[in-house]
Amino acid sequence: MVSDAPLYVLLDVFISAADGVVKLIKC
């Protein structure tokens, strides 16, 4: 598709990882 696709995938992975870290810290 577009050359920006990998960037969005990395962003999605980063956001998912950050969300997991936040949940771990809150627990």
PDB file of N, CA and C in Angstrom:
ATOM      1  N   MET A   1       0.844  -1.200   0.000  1.00  0.00           N
ATOM      2  CA  MET A   1       0.000   0.000   0.000  1.00  0.00           C
ATOM      3  C   MET A   1       0.880   1.251   0.000  1.00  0.00           C
ATOM      4  N   VAL A   2       0.676   2.086   1.026  1.00  0.00           N
ATOM      5  CA  VAL A   2       1.457   3.318   1.111  1.00  0.00           C
ATOM      6  C   VAL A   2       2.746   3.046   1.880  1.00  0.00           C
ATOM      7  N   SER A   3       3.757   3.851   1.647  1.00  0.00           N
ATOM      8  CA  SER A   3       5.038   3.663   2.342  1.00  0.00           C
ATOM      9  C   SER A   3       4.917   4.020   3.818  1.00  0.00           C
ATOM     10  N   ASP A   4       3.816   4.680   4.190  1.00  0.00           N
ATOM     11  CA  ASP A   4       3.619   5.065   5.594  1.00  0.00           C
ATOM     12  C   ASP A   4       3.081   3.909   6.427  1.00  0.00           C
ATOM     13  N   ALA A   5       2.631   2.842   5.757  1.00  0.00           N
ATOM     14  CA  ALA A   5       2.015   1.713   6.470  1.00  0.00           C
ATOM     15  C   ALA A   5       2.873   1.216   7.631  1.00  0.00           C
ATOM     16  N   PRO A   6       4.166   0.907   7.426  1.00  0.00           N
ATOM     17  CA  PRO A   6       4.999   0.398   8.534  1.00  0.00           C
ATOM     18  C   PRO A   6       5.021   1.347   9.723  1.00  0.00           C
ATOM     19  N   LEU A   7       4.966   2.642   9.452  1.00  0.00           N
ATOM     20  CA  LEU A   7       4.999   3.623  10.540  1.00  0.00           C
ATOM     21  C   LEU A   7       3.762   3.474  11.413  1.00  0.00           C
ATOM     22  N   TYR A   8       2.614   3.322  10.771  1.00  0.00           N
ATOM     23  CA  TYR A   8       1.372   3.161  11.539  1.00  0.00           C
ATOM     24  C   TYR A   8       1.395   1.861  12.327  1.00  0.00           C
ATOM     25  N   VAL A   9       1.968   0.807  11.735  1.00  0.00           N
ATOM     26  CA  VAL A   9       2.062  -0.481  12.438  1.00  0.00           C
ATOM     27  C   VAL A   9       2.939  -0.321  13.672  1.00  0.00           C
ATOM     28  N   LEU A  10       4.074   0.366  13.526  1.00  0.00           N
ATOM     29  CA  LEU A  10       4.968   0.579  14.670  1.00  0.00           C
ATOM     30  C   LEU A  10       4.265   1.410  15.735  1.00  0.00           C
ATOM     31  N   LEU A  11       3.522   2.420  15.306  1.00  0.00           N
ATOM     32  CA  LEU A  11       2.785   3.254  16.263  1.00  0.00           C
ATOM     33  C   LEU A  11       1.778   2.413  17.030  1.00  0.00           C
ATOM     34  N   ASP A  12       1.064   1.535  16.313  1.00  0.00           N
ATOM     35  CA  ASP A  12       0.058   0.691  16.967  1.00  0.00           C
ATOM     36  C   ASP A  12       0.724  -0.222  17.982  1.00  0.00           C
ATOM     37  N   VAL A  13       1.857  -0.805  17.620  1.00  0.00           N
ATOM     38  CA  VAL A  13       2.572  -1.698  18.539  1.00  0.00           C
ATOM     39  C   VAL A  13       3.063  -0.912  19.749  1.00  0.00           C
ATOM     40  N   PHE A  14       3.591   0.285  19.508  1.00  0.00           N
ATOM     41  CA  PHE A  14       4.094   1.114  20.604  1.00  0.00           C
ATOM     42  C   PHE A  14       2.976   1.488  21.567  1.00  0.00           C
ATOM     43  N   ILE A  15       1.826   1.870  21.014  1.00  0.00           N
ATOM     44  CA  ILE A  15       0.678   2.240  21.857  1.00  0.00           C
ATOM     45  C   ILE A  15       0.211   1.040  22.668  1.00  0.00           C
ATOM     46  N   SER A  16       0.178  -0.125  22.037  1.00  0.00           N
ATOM     47  CA  SER A  16      -0.253  -1.337  22.748  1.00  0.00           C
ATOM     48  C   SER A  16       0.714  -1.644  23.889  1.00  0.00           C
ATOM     49  N   ALA A  17       2.007  -1.517  23.622  1.00  0.00           N
ATOM     50  CA  ALA A  17       3.013  -1.792  24.653  1.00  0.00           C
ATOM     51  C   ALA A  17       2.880  -0.780  25.787  1.00  0.00           C
ATOM     52  N   ALA A  18       2.705   0.489  25.451  1.00  0.00           N
ATOM     53  CA  ALA A  18       2.566   1.529  26.476  1.00  0.00           C
ATOM     54  C   ALA A  18       1.329   1.261  27.323  1.00  0.00           C
ATOM     55  N   ASP A  19       0.238   0.844  26.685  1.00  0.00           N
ATOM     56  CA  ASP A  19      -0.998   0.552  27.422  1.00  0.00           C
ATOM     57  C   ASP A  19      -0.760  -0.598  28.391  1.00  0.00           C
ATOM     58  N   GLY A  20      -0.025  -1.610  27.959  1.00  0.00           N
ATOM     59  CA  GLY A  20       0.271  -2.745  28.838  1.00  0.00           C
ATOM     60  C   GLY A  20       1.117  -2.305  30.022  1.00  0.00           C
ATOM     61  N   VAL A  21       2.088  -1.437  29.787  1.00  0.00           N
ATOM     62  CA  VAL A  21       2.959  -0.957  30.864  1.00  0.00           C
ATOM     63  C   VAL A  21       2.144  -0.154  31.872  1.00  0.00           C
ATOM     64  N   VAL A  22       1.254   0.695  31.364  1.00  0.00           N
ATOM     65  CA  VAL A  22       0.416   1.512  32.253  1.00  0.00           C
ATOM     66  C   VAL A  22      -0.448   0.610  33.133  1.00  0.00           C
ATOM     67  N   LYS A  23      -1.013  -0.444  32.534  1.00  0.00           N
ATOM     68  CA  LYS A  23      -1.854  -1.362  33.308  1.00  0.00           C
ATOM     69  C   LYS A  23      -1.021  -2.060  34.375  1.00  0.00           C
ATOM     70  N   LEU A  24       0.218  -2.425  34.036  1.00  0.00           N
ATOM     71  CA  LEU A  24       1.088  -3.091  35.012  1.00  0.00           C
ATOM     72  C   LEU A  24       1.394  -2.144  36.167  1.00  0.00           C
ATOM     73  N   ILE A  25       1.667  -0.879  35.852  1.00  0.00           N
ATOM     74  CA  ILE A  25       2.008   0.097  36.896  1.00  0.00           C
ATOM     75  C   ILE A  25       0.800   0.355  37.796  1.00  0.00           C
ATOM     76  N   LYS A  26      -0.384   0.467  37.197  1.00  0.00           N
ATOM     77  CA  LYS A  26      -1.592   0.741  37.987  1.00  0.00           C
ATOM     78  C   LYS A  26      -1.907  -0.429  38.917  1.00  0.00           C
ATOM     79  N   CYS A  27      -1.539  -1.650  38.518  1.00  0.00           N
ATOM     80  CA  CYS A  27      -1.784  -2.806  39.390  1.00  0.00           C
ATOM     81  C   CYS A  27      -0.707  -2.811  40.474  1.00  0.00           C
TER      82      CYS A  27
END
